[in-house]
Amino acid sequence: MSAHPQPLDAQGGSSVGAAPASAAVWRTRLWRPRGVLAVLGALLAMGILGSGTGYTYGRWNGSAAPSPQGMPSDPAGVRKLVVQQQSDRRKLLADLAKEVPRGLYVVIDQTNNRLYLKRDENVELEAVCSAGSGYILKESATGGRKWVFDTPRGLFLIHNRIDDPAWRKPDWAFIEEGKPIPKDPSERVEYGTMGEYALDLGHGYFIHGTLYERLLGRSVTHGCIRLGRDDLRKVARAVTVGTPVYIY
């Protein structure tokens, strides 16, 4: 006898051999899905009954569940607490509303490289920008000066708007390029690198343009905020001296 059931033809006989009808019926019944499931169900039930569920059950004694720490147990005390919490919430929302900037301001999300020009709670412009890379540059492997190219976080103000700015390259720019630091100051001046406008944030940081717009959206700068030409024009023409800039 084969170890596997043989397929049956339409007349109930085997299509591969002339086995007795009783054998064909026996094989068919043995491999019915219902029979297999029934056996498995019985074995599972026996296992559960034999080992238990792991839970213990007892009669409820009628006592109420303990109140959370600090929560009144009487209804009047609960109502008083709810009123107090609602009052505290209103006060908190009012205090937060006082901290929301008013008028025109700039928000820079340097993690996602996005700049937002906002008026009150309305976004007037969302622009892709580039912030500091976080790269560390050392003057030499054995020591010397070190620079960290991060964009600072905090509240800044627009100090000045410079049209057609020129970049006065600092020492690290030459070290990064592997070039000697020039003695002639005029050799440090580079035109066109910063785009059409530079918005001075103080401490040597600017919002300015870039020659490499394909890199916008990446953290690749030396600490300044770079914008594309069209977005820079919109921001530069909207802000004034004293406009707040929030960087986080």
Protein backbone atom coordinates (compact mmCIF):
# COMPACT_ATOMS: atom_id res chain seq x y z
CA MET A 1 0.00 0.00 0.00
CA SER A 2 1.23 3.46 -0.76
CA ALA A 3 1.99 5.74 2.21
CA HIS A 4 -0.10 8.51 0.62
CA PRO A 5 -3.79 8.34 -0.37
CA GLN A 6 -4.47 7.75 -4.02
CA PRO A 7 -6.76 10.11 -5.97
CA LEU A 8 -10.24 8.76 -6.63
CA ASP A 9 -12.04 8.80 -9.95
CA ALA A 10 -15.65 9.74 -10.40
CA GLN A 11 -16.86 6.18 -9.79
CA GLY A 12 -15.10 5.89 -6.44
CA GLY A 13 -12.25 3.68 -7.71
CA SER A 14 -8.56 4.42 -7.82
CA SER A 15 -7.22 6.03 -10.96
CA VAL A 16 -3.84 4.33 -10.56
CA GLY A 17 -4.79 0.83 -9.46
CA ALA A 18 -7.66 -1.59 -8.91
CA ALA A 19 -7.70 -1.39 -5.13
CA PRO A 20 -10.76 -2.72 -3.33
CA ALA A 21 -13.53 -0.24 -2.67
CA SER A 22 -13.14 -0.69 1.07
CA ALA A 23 -9.48 0.33 0.91
CA ALA A 24 -10.35 3.41 -1.13
CA VAL A 25 -13.02 4.43 1.38
CA TRP A 26 -10.62 3.86 4.30
CA ARG A 27 -7.95 6.03 2.75
CA THR A 28 -10.42 8.79 1.98
CA ARG A 29 -11.76 8.94 5.52
CA LEU A 30 -8.29 8.87 7.08
CA TRP A 31 -7.15 12.00 5.23
CA ARG A 32 -10.25 14.12 5.48
CA PRO A 33 -9.35 17.64 6.74
CA ARG A 34 -12.21 17.56 9.25
CA GLY A 35 -10.81 14.47 10.89
CA VAL A 36 -7.32 15.93 11.20
CA LEU A 37 -8.63 19.18 12.69
CA ALA A 38 -10.79 17.27 15.15
CA VAL A 39 -7.82 15.25 16.38
CA LEU A 40 -5.65 18.37 16.74
CA GLY A 41 -8.43 20.17 18.62
CA ALA A 42 -8.81 17.29 21.04
CA LEU A 43 -5.07 17.14 21.70
CA LEU A 44 -4.96 20.92 22.30
CA ALA A 45 -7.87 20.76 24.73
CA MET A 46 -6.20 17.93 26.64
CA GLY A 47 -3.00 19.97 26.91
CA ILE A 48 -4.82 23.02 28.28
CA LEU A 49 -6.81 20.98 30.78
CA GLY A 50 -3.70 19.19 31.89
CA SER A 51 -1.43 22.20 32.36
CA GLY A 52 -3.93 25.00 33.14
CA THR A 53 -3.96 28.57 31.80
CA GLY A 54 -1.62 30.03 34.37
CA TYR A 55 -4.33 32.29 35.84
CA THR A 56 -5.90 31.94 39.26
CA TYR A 57 -9.45 33.00 39.95
CA GLY A 58 -11.15 34.01 43.14
CA ARG A 59 -14.39 35.47 44.38
CA TRP A 60 -14.66 39.28 44.26
CA ASN A 61 -14.89 40.65 47.78
CA GLY A 62 -16.94 43.67 46.72
CA SER A 63 -14.33 46.28 47.65
CA ALA A 64 -13.54 49.12 45.23
CA ALA A 65 -10.19 49.40 43.51
CA PRO A 66 -7.76 51.72 45.33
CA SER A 67 -7.67 55.32 44.07
CA PRO A 68 -4.49 56.56 42.37
CA GLN A 69 -2.14 58.49 44.61
CA GLY A 70 -3.44 62.01 45.13
CA MET A 71 -6.85 61.25 43.64
CA PRO A 72 -9.79 61.98 45.98
CA SER A 73 -11.97 59.00 46.74
CA ASP A 74 -15.22 60.94 47.17
CA PRO A 75 -17.22 62.39 44.20
CA ALA A 76 -17.11 65.94 45.57
CA GLY A 77 -13.35 65.83 45.84
CA VAL A 78 -13.05 64.52 42.28
CA ARG A 79 -15.21 67.36 40.92
CA LYS A 80 -13.11 69.92 42.78
CA LEU A 81 -9.91 68.44 41.34
CA VAL A 82 -11.30 68.50 37.78
CA VAL A 83 -12.24 72.18 38.12
CA GLN A 84 -8.75 73.00 39.41
CA GLN A 85 -7.06 71.15 36.54
CA GLN A 86 -9.22 72.90 33.96
CA SER A 87 -8.28 76.25 35.47
CA ASP A 88 -4.57 75.33 35.42
CA ARG A 89 -4.86 74.30 31.76
CA ARG A 90 -6.44 77.62 30.75
CA LYS A 91 -3.67 79.51 32.54
CA LEU A 92 -0.97 77.42 30.85
CA LEU A 93 -2.46 78.02 27.40
CA ALA A 94 -2.64 81.75 28.09
CA ASP A 95 1.01 81.80 29.18
CA LEU A 96 2.06 79.88 26.06
CA ALA A 97 0.11 82.26 23.83
CA LYS A 98 2.18 85.15 25.21
CA GLU A 99 5.37 83.42 24.07
CA VAL A 100 4.23 82.91 20.46
CA PRO A 101 6.07 85.36 18.17
CA ARG A 102 3.97 88.08 16.57
CA GLY A 103 4.45 89.79 13.26
CA LEU A 104 7.06 88.62 10.77
CA TYR A 105 9.79 86.19 11.84
CA VAL A 106 11.95 83.37 10.49
CA VAL A 107 12.15 79.80 11.79
CA ILE A 108 14.96 77.48 10.72
CA ASP A 109 14.74 73.74 11.31
CA GLN A 110 18.34 72.74 10.77
CA THR A 111 17.69 69.06 11.40
CA ASN A 112 15.43 68.84 8.35
CA ASN A 113 17.07 71.77 6.51
CA ARG A 114 13.91 73.85 6.21
CA LEU A 115 13.41 77.60 6.54
CA TYR A 116 9.99 79.09 7.27
CA LEU A 117 9.03 82.72 6.81
CA LYS A 118 6.07 83.24 9.11
CA ARG A 119 3.68 86.02 10.02
CA ASP A 120 1.98 85.30 13.31
CA GLU A 121 0.96 81.64 12.94
CA ASN A 122 0.75 81.70 9.13
CA VAL A 123 3.55 80.29 6.96
CA GLU A 124 4.26 82.67 4.08
CA LEU A 125 7.20 80.68 2.71
CA GLU A 126 8.66 77.22 3.23
CA ALA A 127 12.10 76.86 1.67
CA VAL A 128 14.70 74.11 1.43
CA CYS A 129 17.96 75.28 2.96
CA SER A 130 21.29 73.91 4.12
CA ALA A 131 22.71 74.20 7.64
CA GLY A 132 26.06 73.35 9.25
CA SER A 133 27.69 70.01 8.57
CA GLY A 134 29.10 69.44 12.06
CA TYR A 135 32.45 68.65 10.45
CA ILE A 136 35.59 69.24 12.53
CA LEU A 137 38.63 70.73 10.81
CA LYS A 138 42.05 70.64 12.46
CA GLU A 139 44.94 72.81 11.41
CA SER A 140 47.32 69.86 11.66
CA ALA A 141 47.28 66.27 12.83
CA THR A 142 49.59 67.08 15.74
CA GLY A 143 47.74 70.11 17.09
CA GLY A 144 47.02 73.71 16.31
CA ARG A 145 43.65 75.34 15.80
CA LYS A 146 40.37 73.49 15.40
CA TRP A 147 37.05 74.54 13.87
CA VAL A 148 33.61 72.93 14.26
CA PHE A 149 31.21 73.77 11.45
CA ASP A 150 27.92 73.83 13.36
CA THR A 151 24.95 76.17 13.00
CA PRO A 152 24.18 77.66 16.42
CA ARG A 153 20.72 77.26 17.93
CA GLY A 154 18.71 79.98 19.59
CA LEU A 155 17.10 83.34 18.95
CA PHE A 156 18.89 85.71 16.57
CA LEU A 157 18.04 89.05 14.97
CA ILE A 158 18.67 90.36 11.48
CA HIS A 159 21.45 92.93 11.98
CA ASN A 160 21.92 93.97 8.40
CA ARG A 161 21.15 93.11 4.79
CA ILE A 162 24.12 93.16 2.42
CA ASP A 163 23.48 93.34 -1.30
CA ASP A 164 25.93 91.58 -3.66
CA PRO A 165 28.11 90.45 -0.74
CA ALA A 166 31.76 89.49 -1.04
CA TRP A 167 33.17 86.72 1.10
CA ARG A 168 36.32 87.45 3.03
CA LYS A 169 37.76 83.98 3.35
CA PRO A 170 38.99 83.11 6.86
CA ASP A 171 42.07 81.03 7.61
CA TRP A 172 40.16 77.76 7.78
CA ALA A 173 38.96 78.15 4.19
CA PHE A 174 42.56 77.99 2.93
CA ILE A 175 43.48 75.18 5.31
CA GLU A 176 40.47 73.19 4.13
CA GLU A 177 41.59 73.66 0.51
CA GLY A 178 45.17 72.75 1.33
CA LYS A 179 46.42 76.19 0.31
CA PRO A 180 48.78 78.53 2.15
CA ILE A 181 47.20 81.36 4.12
CA PRO A 182 47.80 84.57 2.15
CA LYS A 183 49.48 87.58 3.64
CA ASP A 184 47.78 90.00 1.28
CA PRO A 185 44.20 90.73 2.53
CA SER A 186 42.99 91.28 -1.01
CA GLU A 187 43.69 87.62 -1.79
CA ARG A 188 41.03 86.62 0.73
CA VAL A 189 38.13 88.37 -1.03
CA GLU A 190 35.88 86.19 -3.18
CA TYR A 191 32.88 87.49 -5.12
CA GLY A 192 29.70 85.64 -6.11
CA THR A 193 30.00 82.83 -3.57
CA MET A 194 27.25 84.13 -1.26
CA GLY A 195 24.64 84.95 -3.87
CA GLU A 196 22.72 88.19 -4.23
CA TYR A 197 22.07 88.87 -0.54
CA ALA A 198 23.55 88.09 2.86
CA LEU A 199 21.44 88.55 6.00
CA ASP A 200 23.72 89.14 8.97
CA LEU A 201 22.77 87.17 12.11
CA GLY A 202 25.82 88.28 14.09
CA HIS A 203 28.95 86.43 15.21
CA GLY A 204 29.93 85.69 11.62
CA TYR A 205 26.76 83.78 10.67
CA PHE A 206 24.61 84.71 7.68
CA ILE A 207 21.63 83.60 5.65
CA HIS A 208 22.93 83.80 2.10
CA GLY A 209 22.84 82.25 -1.35
CA THR A 210 24.97 79.52 -2.86
CA LEU A 211 26.58 78.42 -6.09
CA TYR A 212 25.66 74.82 -5.30
CA GLU A 213 21.87 74.73 -5.21
CA ARG A 214 21.92 70.99 -5.96
CA LEU A 215 23.19 70.46 -2.41
CA LEU A 216 20.29 72.28 -0.75
CA GLY A 217 18.48 70.07 1.73
CA ARG A 218 21.77 68.64 3.01
CA SER A 219 23.80 69.70 6.04
CA VAL A 220 26.92 70.82 4.20
CA THR A 221 27.71 74.41 5.26
CA HIS A 222 30.36 75.82 7.56
CA GLY A 223 27.64 77.17 9.88
CA CYS A 224 25.72 79.67 7.76
CA ILE A 225 22.29 79.03 6.30
CA ARG A 226 22.21 78.68 2.52
CA LEU A 227 19.13 79.33 0.38
CA GLY A 228 18.35 79.04 -3.30
CA ARG A 229 18.26 82.22 -5.37
CA ASP A 230 14.46 82.62 -5.60
CA ASP A 231 13.82 81.84 -1.92
CA LEU A 232 16.65 84.13 -0.84
CA ARG A 233 15.12 86.99 -2.80
CA LYS A 234 11.75 86.49 -1.08
CA VAL A 235 13.24 86.34 2.40
CA ALA A 236 15.65 89.25 1.88
CA ARG A 237 12.88 91.50 0.57
CA ALA A 238 10.48 90.58 3.39
CA VAL A 239 12.66 90.92 6.50
CA THR A 240 14.02 94.10 8.03
CA VAL A 241 16.65 94.93 10.62
CA GLY A 242 15.47 93.44 13.91
CA THR A 243 13.41 90.59 12.41
CA PRO A 244 13.69 87.59 14.79
CA VAL A 245 15.25 84.38 13.54
CA TYR A 246 14.64 81.20 15.54
CA ILE A 247 17.06 78.35 14.85
CA TYR A 248 16.59 74.91 16.34
